[in-house]
Structure formats: structure tokens, C-alpha cells
């Protein structure tokens, strides 16, 4: 008997569904055609391993006392430029440490950083100086934006010289977790108690024209996110520290970032930011409008 060759509506829908299910994804199709490279899972593996470990080897940069969520935008030449480019390609963890402005001592605590952006340019117009970079001309340099993440402490084996002579070097670090010493309700109460001071500080800084560039504080607040979303006392303290000691420097509050990084407890950090807010508010009320400089520039002795 002759078999039917025509398919009914239901059969056609089934065939169409099967074709769609088995249709290769755009990524697979590009790979098949040789138009795309397969993902480098080794970079992801190294990153995951670093996140899971309590300690790991990182590339350290001596730049500034960066706090969690704080953004550092700057121009860099050798050796930073090549190191950042290599680290971004390899997935190698990077951390930044800075200096205690009062003592000039290089800190052993800092933060891991995420490379938000890198763009290359040729410095051929007489050169530039940024942080530890020396004046030079005609070298390959970069515009970099780094964002602070989890905190870390350098593990110093016996016999290792500190501080080192280099401005970028490898070191073993341990990751520092925020101490959950209070309940969610207590953290919310802490935030509520500090929020009026923060609001007064921001309003006063704007009204008395303390910003070094238009919209500086709005950009910082956008980077940090809402204060009410902070979940621990440490988070609250670091958030406020990053606000009143922004990068580039505002100058309206005394420098507390090194203390916050090295303090031994959340209670000490919270008390530090509370006092710094109150002192800064009083100083801005006393001083005439315009930029001010509460403390002198960093004194480096390493």
C-alpha cells in the first residue's frame, strides 16, 4: 500500500520544534566556522581558586590606601602598565597597598582590585608623573581604573625585608573577612544613627564648594551604592571612609583610610568615621567656601 507522504499540522510542528532544539547556538556556529576562539577556562579556574582559598599569591602594587568599593583612576607607566596588562590577560589576582600619611610607613594591609578599564596611549608630550611613576617621554603608558574589593593582609615570612625596594612585586596574602559582630537589626540601627551625619556632611561639602571637580561627590556616591545596603559594621565604616576620603582627594576630612585598614575591630572603625565626620563638619562650617586641605600631602619614607 502506498504510504502517505504529506504531514499533518501536528507533525509539522513537532519537526519544527526538533529543528529548533538541535539548532546550534550562535557561539557554537561561530566556533564551527572558525570565526571565534573558545573561551580560556584556565583564567576562570585561577580566579575561582583564588576566591576559594583563605590565602594566595598576588601581585602587589604600591599606589594608595584604597578601600572596598573605592575607584582609583590614574595614568601609569612602567612597570605598572605592563604588569596590569599581563594580569588582566592571565586572571592573576592583584592587590593595592598604600602608605600611612602620618608616619610614611608602607602598610601591610590593602585590598584586592578589579581592573575596570585599561586604555593605552603614548606619552610623548614631555611625559607625566603619577604616584611613583617617574618623569619620562615616549613610553607606552595606560589610563587605568581600579576598583577596591575584599581586604587582604601581606604575610611576611621571617627574614623578608619590608618594605621592599620595588613598587610592584609578588607576595602571599590572607583575605580578611568583615566581622559579623552584630545582628542585622543592630547594623540597621547603626546605619540609621550615622545617616544624618553623612547627609549633613555631603550637603555641607557641596554648599561650601569643597569639591575639586563638578559632580565629584555624586560620582563617589554612585560608585559606593546606597549606605542602607551595607550589611556589617565594617561595611558601614569603610563606606563612610571611602566617601570622606575620596580619590582624587577632597581634602575636607582628615585622612583615615590607613587607620580603617589596620584597626583591630569594627567598633574602632565605626568610632573613627563618626569622629572624622563630626570634625570635618565643624571645619567646613568654620572655613570660607572653596577647596580646603585638612592634612599635608603624603610623606613617603620607603
Protein backbone atom coordinates (compact mmCIF):
# COMPACT_ATOMS: atom_id res chain seq x y z
CA UNK A 1 0.00 0.00 0.00
CA UNK A 2 1.08 3.46 -0.76
CA UNK A 3 2.33 5.39 2.32
CA UNK A 4 1.19 8.92 2.85
CA UNK A 5 3.88 11.49 2.12
CA UNK A 6 2.01 14.52 3.39
CA UNK A 7 2.40 15.52 7.03
CA UNK A 8 -0.37 16.92 9.10
CA UNK A 9 -0.18 20.19 11.05
CA UNK A 10 0.76 18.43 14.31
CA UNK A 11 3.66 16.51 12.68
CA UNK A 12 4.98 19.71 11.10
CA UNK A 13 5.01 21.47 14.46
CA UNK A 14 6.95 18.58 16.03
CA UNK A 15 9.54 18.63 13.23
CA UNK A 16 9.94 22.37 13.57
CA UNK A 17 10.44 22.08 17.33
CA UNK A 18 13.11 19.41 16.86
CA UNK A 19 14.94 21.58 14.35
CA UNK A 20 14.94 24.49 16.81
CA UNK A 21 16.17 22.32 19.70
CA UNK A 22 19.04 20.91 17.66
CA UNK A 23 19.92 24.18 16.01
CA UNK A 24 23.46 25.25 17.05
CA UNK A 25 23.77 28.35 19.20
CA UNK A 26 25.37 31.44 17.61
CA UNK A 27 28.52 30.86 19.67
CA UNK A 28 28.78 27.22 18.57
CA UNK A 29 28.13 28.22 14.98
CA UNK A 30 30.92 30.81 15.10
CA UNK A 31 33.28 28.26 16.61
CA UNK A 32 32.38 25.76 13.87
CA UNK A 33 33.07 28.35 11.21
CA UNK A 34 36.38 29.32 12.82
CA UNK A 35 35.22 32.89 13.45
CA UNK A 36 35.53 32.80 17.23
CA UNK A 37 38.04 31.47 19.73
CA UNK A 38 36.98 29.09 22.50
CA UNK A 39 36.91 30.67 25.99
CA UNK A 40 40.09 30.45 28.07
CA UNK A 41 38.82 28.48 31.04
CA UNK A 42 42.28 28.50 32.68
CA UNK A 43 41.80 32.20 33.55
CA UNK A 44 38.44 31.44 35.15
CA UNK A 45 39.91 28.45 37.03
CA UNK A 46 42.68 30.58 38.52
CA UNK A 47 40.18 33.22 39.55
CA UNK A 48 37.86 30.69 41.22
CA UNK A 49 40.78 29.08 43.05
CA UNK A 50 41.88 32.46 44.41
CA UNK A 51 38.36 33.22 45.62
CA UNK A 52 38.01 29.90 47.44
CA UNK A 53 41.39 29.99 49.17
CA UNK A 54 41.98 31.71 52.53
CA UNK A 55 45.36 32.89 51.24
CA UNK A 56 47.01 33.14 47.87
CA UNK A 57 49.91 34.70 46.00
CA UNK A 58 49.04 38.02 44.39
CA UNK A 59 50.79 40.78 42.51
CA UNK A 60 51.03 43.80 44.85
CA UNK A 61 51.10 47.40 43.64
CA UNK A 62 52.32 50.23 45.87
CA UNK A 63 49.89 53.00 44.93
CA UNK A 64 47.45 54.29 47.54
CA UNK A 65 45.40 53.22 50.58
CA UNK A 66 42.36 52.02 48.67
CA UNK A 67 39.16 50.97 50.46
CA UNK A 68 36.47 48.48 49.37
CA UNK A 69 34.23 49.89 46.59
CA UNK A 70 36.58 52.82 46.05
CA UNK A 71 37.63 53.65 42.49
CA UNK A 72 41.16 54.77 41.62
CA UNK A 73 41.58 56.30 38.16
CA UNK A 74 45.11 57.24 37.14
CA UNK A 75 47.78 57.23 34.45
CA UNK A 76 50.60 54.74 34.81
CA UNK A 77 53.83 53.93 33.03
CA UNK A 78 56.34 51.12 33.50
CA UNK A 79 56.43 48.86 35.41
CA UNK A 80 52.73 49.18 36.26
CA UNK A 81 51.40 49.38 32.72
CA UNK A 82 52.83 46.07 31.51
CA UNK A 83 52.03 44.30 34.78
CA UNK A 84 48.37 45.33 34.70
CA UNK A 85 48.03 44.29 31.07
CA UNK A 86 49.58 40.90 31.80
CA UNK A 87 47.45 40.37 34.92
CA UNK A 88 44.25 41.22 33.07
CA UNK A 89 45.08 38.66 30.38
CA UNK A 90 46.11 35.91 32.82
CA UNK A 91 43.49 36.41 35.53
CA UNK A 92 46.20 36.81 38.17
CA UNK A 93 44.88 38.43 41.39
CA UNK A 94 46.08 41.98 42.03
CA UNK A 95 46.13 43.90 45.31
CA UNK A 96 46.96 47.51 46.12
CA UNK A 97 48.65 48.81 49.27
CA UNK A 98 49.42 52.35 50.32
CA UNK A 99 51.13 54.48 52.92
CA UNK A 100 50.23 55.77 56.36
CA UNK A 101 50.27 59.52 55.71
CA UNK A 102 51.25 60.41 59.25
CA UNK A 103 54.23 58.05 59.56
CA UNK A 104 55.18 57.47 55.93
CA UNK A 105 55.15 53.73 56.65
CA UNK A 106 54.14 51.29 53.94
CA UNK A 107 51.06 49.35 55.04
CA UNK A 108 50.80 45.57 55.07
CA UNK A 109 47.02 45.73 54.60
CA UNK A 110 45.20 46.70 51.45
CA UNK A 111 42.54 45.47 49.05
CA UNK A 112 42.27 43.26 46.04
CA UNK A 113 41.41 45.32 42.98
CA UNK A 114 39.32 44.70 39.91
CA UNK A 115 40.64 46.20 36.69
CA UNK A 116 37.62 48.11 35.46
CA UNK A 117 39.30 49.57 32.38
CA UNK A 118 42.66 49.91 30.66
CA UNK A 119 43.40 52.11 27.66
CA UNK A 120 46.82 52.61 26.13
CA UNK A 121 48.35 55.82 24.89
CA UNK A 122 51.82 57.09 24.07
CA UNK A 123 53.23 59.71 26.44
CA UNK A 124 55.28 61.80 24.05
CA UNK A 125 54.46 65.37 25.08
CA UNK A 126 57.06 65.75 27.83
CA UNK A 127 55.86 62.87 29.96
CA UNK A 128 53.81 62.80 33.11
CA UNK A 129 54.20 61.92 36.76
CA UNK A 130 51.55 59.93 38.64
CA UNK A 131 52.10 58.35 42.03
CA UNK A 132 55.51 56.63 41.96
CA UNK A 133 55.93 56.87 38.20
CA UNK A 134 58.98 58.95 37.29
CA UNK A 135 59.09 61.52 34.52
CA UNK A 136 59.81 60.09 31.12
CA UNK A 137 58.94 60.57 27.46
CA UNK A 138 57.87 58.40 24.59
CA UNK A 139 57.00 55.27 26.59
CA UNK A 140 53.92 53.13 26.46
CA UNK A 141 51.53 54.21 29.22
CA UNK A 142 47.97 53.47 30.26
CA UNK A 143 44.86 55.08 31.66
CA UNK A 144 43.66 52.65 34.34
CA UNK A 145 40.59 52.43 36.55
CA UNK A 146 40.88 50.09 39.54
CA UNK A 147 38.05 49.27 41.97
CA UNK A 148 38.71 48.09 45.52
CA UNK A 149 37.34 44.72 46.60
CA UNK A 150 37.96 42.38 49.51
CA UNK A 151 40.59 43.28 52.09
CA UNK A 152 43.88 41.45 52.47
CA UNK A 153 46.99 41.35 54.66
CA UNK A 154 50.51 40.61 53.47
CA UNK A 155 52.04 37.52 55.08
CA UNK A 156 55.67 38.31 55.87
CA UNK A 157 57.95 35.27 56.21
CA UNK A 158 60.91 35.56 58.55
CA UNK A 159 63.91 37.25 57.01
CA UNK A 160 61.92 39.07 54.32
CA UNK A 161 62.79 42.76 54.02
CA UNK A 162 59.89 45.15 54.48
CA UNK A 163 59.26 47.47 52.83
CA UNK A 164 60.62 46.14 49.53
CA UNK A 165 62.54 48.28 47.07
CA UNK A 166 60.17 47.53 44.19
CA UNK A 167 56.83 49.23 43.56
CA UNK A 168 55.27 46.03 42.23
CA UNK A 169 56.09 42.56 43.50
CA UNK A 170 54.59 39.17 44.33
CA UNK A 171 53.58 38.34 47.90
CA UNK A 172 51.47 35.88 49.83
CA UNK A 173 48.34 37.44 51.36
CA UNK A 174 45.48 36.25 53.53
CA UNK A 175 41.97 37.50 52.94
CA UNK A 176 40.27 39.44 55.73
CA UNK A 177 36.56 38.90 56.25
CA UNK A 178 34.28 41.51 57.77
CA UNK A 179 33.40 40.55 61.33
CA UNK A 180 29.69 39.86 61.79
CA UNK A 181 29.64 41.07 65.41
CA UNK A 182 26.10 42.44 65.33
CA UNK A 183 22.68 41.38 64.16
CA UNK A 184 21.01 42.71 61.05
CA UNK A 185 18.76 44.89 63.23
CA UNK A 186 21.78 46.29 65.10
CA UNK A 187 23.54 47.07 61.81
CA UNK A 188 20.43 48.86 60.56
CA UNK A 189 20.32 50.87 63.78
CA UNK A 190 23.99 51.80 63.33
CA UNK A 191 23.35 52.92 59.76
CA UNK A 192 20.34 54.97 60.87
CA UNK A 193 22.43 56.68 63.56
CA UNK A 194 25.17 57.69 61.11
CA UNK A 195 22.98 58.52 58.10
CA UNK A 196 22.06 62.05 59.35
CA UNK A 197 25.75 62.88 59.83
CA UNK A 198 26.55 61.56 56.35
CA UNK A 199 23.71 63.56 54.81
CA UNK A 200 24.79 66.73 56.60
CA UNK A 201 28.41 66.21 55.53
CA UNK A 202 27.52 65.73 51.85
CA UNK A 203 25.18 68.74 51.79
CA UNK A 204 27.72 70.96 53.53
CA UNK A 205 30.58 69.87 51.25
CA UNK A 206 28.51 70.81 48.21
CA UNK A 207 27.13 74.07 49.63
CA UNK A 208 30.57 75.30 50.70
CA UNK A 209 32.11 74.34 47.34
CA UNK A 210 34.63 71.79 48.65
CA UNK A 211 34.52 69.58 45.56
CA UNK A 212 37.65 69.60 43.41
CA UNK A 213 35.66 68.96 40.22
CA UNK A 214 31.97 69.34 39.26
CA UNK A 215 29.90 66.36 40.42
CA UNK A 216 32.78 64.77 42.34
CA UNK A 217 30.68 63.63 45.32
CA UNK A 218 27.79 62.43 43.17
CA UNK A 219 30.24 60.22 41.26
CA UNK A 220 31.66 58.83 44.53
CA UNK A 221 28.18 58.09 45.88
CA UNK A 222 27.31 56.31 42.64
CA UNK A 223 30.43 54.13 42.98
CA UNK A 224 29.68 53.23 46.61
CA UNK A 225 26.00 52.42 46.27
CA UNK A 226 23.36 53.03 48.98
CA UNK A 227 24.58 53.16 52.59
CA UNK A 228 21.44 51.33 53.71
CA UNK A 229 22.58 48.21 51.82
CA UNK A 230 25.70 47.72 53.97
CA UNK A 231 25.39 44.51 55.99
CA UNK A 232 28.08 44.77 58.70
CA UNK A 233 29.63 47.47 60.87
CA UNK A 234 32.83 47.10 58.86
CA UNK A 235 30.92 47.71 55.63
CA UNK A 236 29.39 50.88 57.09
CA UNK A 237 32.76 52.19 58.30
CA UNK A 238 34.56 51.51 55.01
CA UNK A 239 31.69 53.07 53.05
CA UNK A 240 31.92 56.31 55.04
CA UNK A 241 35.71 56.31 54.89
CA UNK A 242 35.62 56.00 51.11
CA UNK A 243 33.13 58.88 50.94
CA UNK A 244 35.00 61.43 53.05
CA UNK A 245 38.46 60.39 51.76
CA UNK A 246 37.64 60.05 48.05
CA UNK A 247 40.00 59.69 45.12
CA UNK A 248 41.02 62.19 43.83
CA UNK A 249 41.35 63.68 47.31
CA UNK A 250 38.73 66.15 48.52
CA UNK A 251 40.76 67.49 51.46
CA UNK A 252 37.74 68.26 53.65
CA UNK A 253 38.31 65.45 56.17
CA UNK A 254 41.39 64.09 57.88
CA UNK A 255 42.93 61.01 56.30
CA UNK A 256 41.56 57.85 57.97
CA UNK A 257 41.90 55.15 55.31
CA UNK A 258 45.13 53.68 56.71
CA UNK A 259 43.61 53.51 60.19
CA UNK A 260 40.46 51.80 58.90
CA UNK A 261 42.52 49.16 57.11
CA UNK A 262 44.70 48.43 60.14
CA UNK A 263 42.18 48.80 63.01
CA UNK A 264 41.68 45.65 65.04
CA UNK A 265 37.89 45.78 65.40
CA UNK A 266 34.71 47.08 63.74
CA UNK A 267 33.97 49.18 66.84
CA UNK A 268 37.21 51.12 66.40
CA UNK A 269 36.46 51.72 62.71
CA UNK A 270 32.93 52.96 63.42
CA UNK A 271 34.14 55.33 66.14
CA UNK A 272 36.85 56.61 63.79
CA UNK A 273 34.44 57.50 60.98
CA UNK A 274 31.97 59.08 63.40
CA UNK A 275 34.64 61.40 64.82
CA UNK A 276 36.03 62.18 61.36
CA UNK A 277 32.56 63.16 60.13
CA UNK A 278 31.94 65.44 63.11
CA UNK A 279 35.38 67.06 62.85
CA UNK A 280 35.00 67.63 59.12
CA UNK A 281 31.54 69.18 59.50
CA UNK A 282 32.87 71.58 62.14
CA UNK A 283 35.86 72.52 60.00
CA UNK A 284 33.76 73.17 56.87
CA UNK A 285 31.47 75.43 58.87
CA UNK A 286 34.43 77.46 60.12
CA UNK A 287 36.33 77.80 56.83
CA UNK A 288 35.34 80.13 53.97
CA UNK A 289 33.87 78.50 50.86
CA UNK A 290 36.19 76.73 48.45
CA UNK A 291 38.61 73.80 48.46
CA UNK A 292 40.48 73.17 51.71
CA UNK A 293 43.38 70.94 52.70
CA UNK A 294 42.97 69.42 56.17
CA UNK A 295 46.23 67.47 56.07
CA UNK A 296 49.51 67.83 54.12
CA UNK A 297 50.42 65.51 51.28
CA UNK A 298 51.72 62.02 51.92
CA UNK A 299 55.24 61.81 53.35
CA UNK A 300 56.98 58.71 51.97
CA UNK A 301 59.93 57.15 53.73
CA UNK A 302 60.22 53.79 51.98
